[in-house]
Amino acid sequence: MKKQLFSFPSEQAQQLTQDWVEAMVVGLNLCPFAAPEVKNNLIRYAASDAESVESAVKDFLFELDKIQNSEEEELSTTLLAFTQVAEDFEEFLDLLDICQQFLEQSGLDGVFQLASFHPQYCFSGVEETDITNWTNRAPFPTIHLIREGQMSRVLTHYKNPDEIPERNMALMEQLGKEGLIQRFPPLAKYWSED
């Protein structure tokens, strides 16, 4: 029988995602651009309890419409967590591809870009158990909607942005499993079910 890793109420999923951003993404400075957005309360944390890919895509399109019709000063970026679908990483990649296709078909490719996080995230060519995968592991399958223009502006003020992924991977190796769990205790669940 397939394990159900998630199955959280939407409100709880939103809170856990926010806690993860504050403890891991900002707390470990994995994304140097996130702290001001958190401080200024400009991140939207949304959760989809869709039970099918079709419904999950509808929820994605709702969030895309919401951010598109909001000013950057009121809504900078959105993290959409899925609590009932895409539990398997490969299934999540399929969902991400569909969302990317809709983004392109809507003419918003280049205006927004998508980043992805998943409890089983695994970089291509990297062992599933490699600690560096945790740079992109989150409590839920999550699609991050990013304003491309804003990201471009921020990157002009950051020295050597290309070094961020390597720095983050080195940090994961330095912290190890115990250090990551200490930083964000809910992560223990994922190791206990390996």
Protein backbone atom coordinates (compact mmCIF):
# COMPACT_ATOMS: atom_id res chain seq x y z
CA MET A 1 0.00 0.00 0.00
CA LYS A 2 1.28 3.46 -0.92
CA LYS A 3 2.34 5.66 1.99
CA GLN A 4 0.53 8.96 2.34
CA LEU A 5 3.17 11.44 3.40
CA PHE A 6 1.00 14.53 3.42
CA SER A 7 -2.77 14.69 3.93
CA PHE A 8 -2.70 17.89 5.94
CA PRO A 9 -5.53 20.44 6.14
CA SER A 10 -4.77 23.42 3.88
CA GLU A 11 -4.29 25.86 6.77
CA GLN A 12 -1.80 23.55 8.48
CA ALA A 13 0.07 23.03 5.20
CA GLN A 14 0.32 26.78 4.68
CA GLN A 15 1.70 27.25 8.19
CA LEU A 16 4.20 24.40 7.88
CA THR A 17 5.40 25.80 4.54
CA GLN A 18 5.82 29.23 6.11
CA ASP A 19 7.72 27.70 9.05
CA TRP A 20 9.98 25.87 6.58
CA VAL A 21 10.70 29.10 4.67
CA GLU A 22 11.56 30.96 7.87
CA ALA A 23 13.64 28.18 9.44
CA MET A 24 15.39 26.76 6.39
CA VAL A 25 15.25 29.10 3.43
CA VAL A 26 15.78 32.32 5.42
CA GLY A 27 17.33 30.80 8.54
CA LEU A 28 20.07 29.09 6.54
CA ASN A 29 20.16 31.85 3.92
CA LEU A 30 19.52 29.29 1.15
CA CYS A 31 17.93 32.08 -0.86
CA PRO A 32 19.55 35.43 -0.06
CA PHE A 33 16.57 37.24 -1.60
CA ALA A 34 13.90 35.69 0.64
CA ALA A 35 14.56 37.50 3.92
CA PRO A 36 13.26 40.93 2.81
CA GLU A 37 10.12 39.35 1.35
CA VAL A 38 9.47 37.51 4.62
CA LYS A 39 10.17 40.62 6.68
CA ASN A 40 7.79 42.71 4.57
CA ASN A 41 5.10 39.98 4.56
CA LEU A 42 5.03 39.84 0.74
CA ILE A 43 4.97 36.05 0.32
CA ARG A 44 1.68 34.29 -0.29
CA TYR A 45 1.50 30.80 1.19
CA ALA A 46 -1.24 28.82 -0.54
CA ALA A 47 -2.20 25.18 -0.28
CA SER A 48 -4.14 23.02 -2.69
CA ASP A 49 -6.10 20.04 -1.43
CA ALA A 50 -6.86 18.96 -5.00
CA GLU A 51 -7.09 15.20 -5.38
CA SER A 52 -6.45 15.11 -9.14
CA VAL A 53 -3.87 16.64 -11.45
CA GLU A 54 -6.62 18.52 -13.28
CA SER A 55 -7.82 20.17 -10.06
CA ALA A 56 -4.22 20.87 -9.00
CA VAL A 57 -3.61 22.68 -12.31
CA LYS A 58 -6.76 24.75 -11.75
CA ASP A 59 -5.42 25.77 -8.34
CA PHE A 60 -2.10 26.69 -9.96
CA LEU A 61 -3.90 28.82 -12.56
CA PHE A 62 -5.87 30.54 -9.79
CA GLU A 63 -2.60 31.47 -8.04
CA LEU A 64 -1.03 32.57 -11.31
CA ASP A 65 -4.00 34.84 -11.97
CA LYS A 66 -3.87 36.20 -8.42
CA ILE A 67 -0.19 37.16 -8.57
CA GLN A 68 -0.53 38.52 -12.10
CA ASN A 69 -3.32 40.84 -10.96
CA SER A 70 -1.49 41.99 -7.82
CA GLU A 71 1.08 44.71 -7.45
CA GLU A 72 4.59 43.56 -6.55
CA GLU A 73 4.47 45.80 -3.47
CA GLU A 74 1.53 43.80 -2.06
CA LEU A 75 2.34 40.29 -3.35
CA SER A 76 5.90 39.55 -4.30
CA THR A 77 5.87 35.78 -4.74
CA THR A 78 3.69 32.72 -4.10
CA LEU A 79 4.44 29.27 -2.74
CA LEU A 80 1.72 26.77 -3.66
CA ALA A 81 1.88 23.51 -1.69
CA PHE A 82 -0.05 20.41 -2.75
CA THR A 83 -1.35 18.20 0.06
CA GLN A 84 -3.09 15.40 -1.85
CA VAL A 85 -1.37 14.98 -5.24
CA ALA A 86 2.14 14.53 -6.64
CA GLU A 87 3.40 12.67 -3.60
CA ASP A 88 5.80 10.79 -5.88
CA PHE A 89 8.60 13.01 -7.20
CA GLU A 90 8.17 11.83 -10.80
CA GLU A 91 4.44 12.61 -10.62
CA PHE A 92 5.32 16.04 -9.29
CA LEU A 93 7.67 16.67 -12.22
CA ASP A 94 4.80 15.80 -14.58
CA LEU A 95 2.54 18.30 -12.76
CA LEU A 96 5.29 20.92 -12.91
CA ASP A 97 5.64 20.36 -16.69
CA ILE A 98 1.90 20.85 -17.19
CA CYS A 99 1.96 24.07 -15.15
CA GLN A 100 4.96 25.29 -17.15
CA GLN A 101 3.07 24.60 -20.39
CA PHE A 102 0.10 26.62 -19.16
CA LEU A 103 2.43 29.44 -18.14
CA GLU A 104 3.88 29.50 -21.66
CA GLN A 105 0.48 29.22 -23.36
CA SER A 106 -0.79 32.17 -21.34
CA GLY A 107 2.08 34.32 -22.63
CA LEU A 108 3.47 34.80 -19.12
CA ASP A 109 6.72 32.91 -19.64
CA GLY A 110 9.36 35.57 -19.10
CA VAL A 111 7.07 37.45 -16.73
CA PHE A 112 6.95 34.64 -14.17
CA GLN A 113 9.15 31.64 -13.65
CA LEU A 114 8.55 28.48 -11.66
CA ALA A 115 10.81 26.93 -9.08
CA SER A 116 10.08 23.59 -7.47
CA PHE A 117 10.46 21.87 -4.12
CA HIS A 118 9.45 18.37 -3.01
CA PRO A 119 10.01 16.08 -0.01
CA GLN A 120 11.72 13.58 -2.36
CA TYR A 121 13.52 16.15 -4.53
CA CYS A 122 16.45 14.58 -6.32
CA PHE A 123 18.80 16.38 -8.68
CA SER A 124 19.51 14.66 -11.97
CA GLY A 125 22.55 12.42 -11.71
CA VAL A 126 22.60 12.57 -7.90
CA GLU A 127 21.84 9.66 -5.58
CA GLU A 128 18.44 9.92 -3.90
CA THR A 129 20.07 9.72 -0.46
CA ASP A 130 22.59 12.50 -1.17
CA ILE A 131 22.26 15.22 1.46
CA THR A 132 22.63 17.96 -1.18
CA ASN A 133 19.12 17.18 -2.44
CA TRP A 134 17.84 18.88 0.72
CA THR A 135 18.52 22.30 -0.78
CA ASN A 136 15.25 21.71 -2.70
CA ARG A 137 13.33 19.55 -0.28
CA ALA A 138 10.25 21.00 1.38
CA PRO A 139 7.46 19.57 3.56
CA PHE A 140 5.11 19.33 0.54
CA PRO A 141 5.30 19.25 -3.26
CA THR A 142 5.54 22.99 -3.87
CA ILE A 143 5.56 25.24 -6.91
CA HIS A 144 7.09 28.66 -6.38
CA LEU A 145 5.80 31.44 -8.64
CA ILE A 146 8.51 34.07 -9.05
CA ARG A 147 8.33 37.46 -10.72
CA GLU A 148 11.13 37.30 -13.27
CA GLY A 149 11.67 41.07 -13.44
CA GLN A 150 12.00 41.30 -9.68
CA MET A 151 14.48 38.43 -9.62
CA SER A 152 16.56 40.08 -12.34
CA ARG A 153 16.69 43.33 -10.37
CA VAL A 154 17.71 41.57 -7.19
CA LEU A 155 20.42 39.56 -8.93
CA THR A 156 22.12 42.73 -10.18
CA HIS A 157 22.84 43.62 -6.54
CA TYR A 158 24.16 40.20 -5.53
CA LYS A 159 27.79 39.30 -6.05
CA ASN A 160 28.33 35.89 -7.73
CA PRO A 161 24.74 34.54 -7.77
CA ASP A 162 25.95 31.50 -9.73
CA GLU A 163 27.76 30.34 -6.58
CA ILE A 164 24.56 30.10 -4.50
CA PRO A 165 23.69 26.47 -5.41
CA GLU A 166 27.21 25.20 -4.69
CA ARG A 167 27.32 27.12 -1.41
CA ASN A 168 23.95 25.63 -0.40
CA MET A 169 25.06 22.10 -1.23
CA ALA A 170 28.21 22.56 0.84
CA LEU A 171 26.06 23.82 3.71
CA MET A 172 23.85 20.70 3.53
CA GLU A 173 26.94 18.50 3.75
CA GLN A 174 28.26 20.53 6.68
CA LEU A 175 24.96 20.35 8.62
CA GLY A 176 24.23 16.71 7.86
CA LYS A 177 21.02 14.92 8.73
CA GLU A 178 21.15 15.77 12.44
CA GLY A 179 21.82 19.46 11.81
CA LEU A 180 18.93 19.73 9.37
CA ILE A 181 16.51 18.04 11.76
CA GLN A 182 17.68 20.30 14.57
CA ARG A 183 17.02 23.33 12.38
CA PHE A 184 13.57 22.09 11.30
CA PRO A 185 12.32 19.11 13.37
CA PRO A 186 9.47 18.12 10.97
CA LEU A 187 12.19 16.86 8.60
CA ALA A 188 12.73 13.88 10.91
CA LYS A 189 9.54 12.36 9.49
CA TYR A 190 11.09 11.97 6.05
CA TRP A 191 14.17 10.17 7.29
CA SER A 192 12.19 7.89 9.57
CA GLU A 193 10.18 6.64 6.58
CA ASP A 194 13.19 5.86 4.34
